[in-house]
Amino acid sequence: MATDDENAGSNGDEVLEGLPVSDYWAQPDPELVQMIALINKFGISMSARVFVSAGVVSGELVSISSFYEGLAESIQSDESVEVDPVSSALASVYRSQAEEFRREAADKDLDLGLRHLHVKDAWMFSPGSKPLEIGLWRGRLASISGWSLGSYVRD
């Protein structure tokens, strides 16, 4: 009998009798991955709703570079947090990462091996709860069960 290590495929898929078996439903939606890759490459944004286990996240899909730039801005513009050397250093790191992602996106083909999507002005809509303003949000593509374009109107 084969051990678990012998049954593991190159990307974590099971191997049964020499044939890899992939869990199709555990993979992110390829159409969503392609859309996020285009957003990352061209720095565009679009309104969307993504369905996760806690409810629906609604907001503006943005590139990874825009997300990191937004993190840097939120650290330095948050009036409730005193600007200190650690916050300044963290903001600087995020700005550097944003620039690195921007350069990489311009220099290479579409990256379809993505794991995350990024949303600004995000709101969480959960059954039985008032909408929750999240702001910047990063989510795992493999955790999204559905999506649609457009955003919810918040009253």
Protein backbone atom coordinates (compact mmCIF):
# COMPACT_ATOMS: atom_id res chain seq x y z
CA MET A 1 0.00 0.00 0.00
CA ALA A 2 1.30 3.47 -0.89
CA THR A 3 2.05 6.04 1.79
CA ASP A 4 0.53 9.52 1.85
CA ASP A 5 3.81 10.94 0.55
CA GLU A 6 3.74 8.57 -2.41
CA ASN A 7 0.12 9.56 -3.15
CA ALA A 8 0.86 13.30 -3.29
CA GLY A 9 1.12 14.92 -6.72
CA SER A 10 3.48 17.76 -7.60
CA ASN A 11 0.94 20.43 -6.63
CA GLY A 12 -0.73 18.71 -3.70
CA ASP A 13 -3.23 16.72 -5.77
CA GLU A 14 -3.87 13.12 -4.86
CA VAL A 15 -2.53 10.37 -7.10
CA LEU A 16 -4.68 7.29 -7.44
CA GLU A 17 -3.18 4.32 -9.28
CA GLY A 18 -0.65 6.60 -10.99
CA LEU A 19 -3.19 9.19 -12.20
CA PRO A 20 -3.33 12.68 -10.62
CA VAL A 21 -6.76 13.63 -9.31
CA SER A 22 -7.34 17.35 -8.89
CA ASP A 23 -10.04 18.83 -6.70
CA TYR A 24 -11.65 21.02 -9.34
CA TRP A 25 -13.83 22.89 -6.84
CA ALA A 26 -10.87 23.84 -4.62
CA GLN A 27 -9.31 25.86 -7.46
CA PRO A 28 -10.15 29.55 -7.98
CA ASP A 29 -12.52 30.48 -10.81
CA PRO A 30 -10.27 30.83 -13.89
CA GLU A 31 -12.37 33.71 -15.26
CA LEU A 32 -11.95 35.66 -12.02
CA VAL A 33 -8.21 34.90 -12.00
CA GLN A 34 -7.90 36.22 -15.55
CA MET A 35 -9.83 39.40 -14.65
CA ILE A 36 -7.61 40.01 -11.60
CA ALA A 37 -4.49 39.40 -13.73
CA LEU A 38 -5.67 42.07 -16.19
CA ILE A 39 -6.41 44.49 -13.34
CA ASN A 40 -2.90 43.89 -11.94
CA LYS A 41 -1.19 44.26 -15.33
CA PHE A 42 -2.95 47.42 -16.49
CA GLY A 43 -3.64 49.09 -13.14
CA ILE A 44 -7.37 49.39 -13.81
CA SER A 45 -10.21 48.97 -11.34
CA MET A 46 -13.83 47.83 -11.50
CA SER A 47 -16.77 47.46 -9.16
CA ALA A 48 -17.55 43.92 -8.13
CA ARG A 49 -19.15 41.73 -5.49
CA VAL A 50 -17.41 38.58 -4.31
CA PHE A 51 -19.20 35.90 -2.34
CA VAL A 52 -17.30 34.44 0.62
CA SER A 53 -18.36 32.23 3.52
CA ALA A 54 -19.16 35.24 5.75
CA GLY A 55 -21.30 37.00 3.15
CA VAL A 56 -20.63 39.36 0.27
CA VAL A 57 -17.72 41.76 -0.10
CA SER A 58 -18.64 44.66 -2.37
CA GLY A 59 -16.27 47.34 -3.60
CA GLU A 60 -13.71 48.30 -6.22
CA LEU A 61 -11.33 45.58 -7.43
CA VAL A 62 -7.88 47.14 -7.66
CA SER A 63 -4.39 46.03 -8.64
CA ILE A 64 -1.99 44.67 -6.07
CA SER A 65 0.17 47.78 -6.49
CA SER A 66 -2.84 50.05 -5.79
CA PHE A 67 -3.64 47.96 -2.73
CA TYR A 68 -0.15 48.38 -1.25
CA GLU A 69 -0.15 52.08 -2.10
CA GLY A 70 -3.49 52.34 -0.26
CA LEU A 71 -2.04 50.55 2.77
CA ALA A 72 0.83 53.04 2.88
CA GLU A 73 -1.56 55.98 2.63
CA SER A 74 -3.88 54.64 5.32
CA ILE A 75 -0.99 54.20 7.75
CA GLN A 76 0.22 57.75 7.29
CA SER A 77 -3.18 59.44 7.04
CA ASP A 78 -4.90 57.75 9.97
CA GLU A 79 -5.41 60.62 12.43
CA SER A 80 -6.11 58.22 15.29
CA VAL A 81 -2.60 56.77 15.03
CA GLU A 82 0.38 58.88 15.94
CA VAL A 83 2.93 58.79 13.15
CA ASP A 84 5.98 57.07 14.57
CA PRO A 85 9.16 55.63 13.06
CA VAL A 86 7.67 52.12 12.82
CA SER A 87 4.56 53.36 10.96
CA SER A 88 6.71 55.45 8.63
CA ALA A 89 8.99 52.48 7.94
CA LEU A 90 6.01 50.19 7.28
CA ALA A 91 4.46 52.77 4.92
CA SER A 92 7.79 53.00 3.10
CA VAL A 93 7.94 49.20 2.73
CA TYR A 94 4.40 49.13 1.31
CA ARG A 95 5.23 51.92 -1.17
CA SER A 96 8.34 50.00 -2.28
CA GLN A 97 6.28 46.84 -2.73
CA ALA A 98 3.69 48.78 -4.74
CA GLU A 99 6.38 50.09 -7.07
CA GLU A 100 7.96 46.64 -7.42
CA PHE A 101 4.58 45.07 -8.32
CA ARG A 102 3.95 47.90 -10.81
CA ARG A 103 7.31 47.30 -12.53
CA GLU A 104 6.84 43.51 -12.59
CA ALA A 105 3.36 43.84 -14.10
CA ALA A 106 4.65 46.07 -16.89
CA ASP A 107 7.58 43.78 -17.68
CA LYS A 108 5.91 40.38 -17.92
CA ASP A 109 2.93 38.56 -19.38
CA LEU A 110 -0.28 38.01 -17.47
CA ASP A 111 0.30 36.22 -14.16
CA LEU A 112 -2.39 33.56 -13.92
CA GLY A 113 -0.84 31.94 -10.83
CA LEU A 114 -2.51 34.47 -8.53
CA ARG A 115 -3.72 33.66 -5.04
CA HIS A 116 -5.34 36.92 -3.89
CA LEU A 117 -7.58 39.72 -5.04
CA HIS A 118 -7.64 43.25 -3.65
CA VAL A 119 -10.61 45.53 -3.00
CA LYS A 120 -10.76 49.17 -1.94
CA ASP A 121 -13.79 50.88 -0.43
CA ALA A 122 -14.95 47.39 0.54
CA TRP A 123 -18.14 46.69 2.46
CA MET A 124 -19.17 43.34 3.97
CA PHE A 125 -22.82 42.35 3.67
CA SER A 126 -23.78 39.42 5.91
CA PRO A 127 -27.23 37.96 6.56
CA GLY A 128 -28.87 39.48 9.63
CA SER A 129 -26.21 42.18 10.06
CA LYS A 130 -25.82 45.80 9.11
CA PRO A 131 -23.29 46.43 6.31
CA LEU A 132 -19.76 46.70 7.69
CA GLU A 133 -17.32 49.18 6.14
CA ILE A 134 -13.99 47.42 5.68
CA GLY A 135 -11.95 49.80 3.53
CA LEU A 136 -9.02 47.92 1.99
CA TRP A 137 -9.58 44.18 1.77
CA ARG A 138 -7.43 41.28 0.53
CA GLY A 139 -9.01 37.88 0.00
CA ARG A 140 -7.93 34.44 -1.16
CA LEU A 141 -9.18 33.64 -4.64
CA ALA A 142 -9.71 30.00 -3.67
CA SER A 143 -12.13 31.10 -0.90
CA ILE A 144 -14.48 32.91 -3.27
CA SER A 145 -17.53 30.89 -4.25
CA GLY A 146 -18.97 33.39 -6.74
CA TRP A 147 -18.70 36.92 -8.07
CA SER A 148 -20.54 39.53 -10.11
CA LEU A 149 -19.76 42.94 -11.51
CA GLY A 150 -21.23 46.05 -9.89
CA SER A 151 -21.52 46.99 -6.24
CA TYR A 152 -24.30 47.17 -3.67
CA VAL A 153 -25.85 50.50 -2.85
CA ARG A 154 -25.26 51.33 0.81
CA ASP A 155 -28.10 53.14 2.61
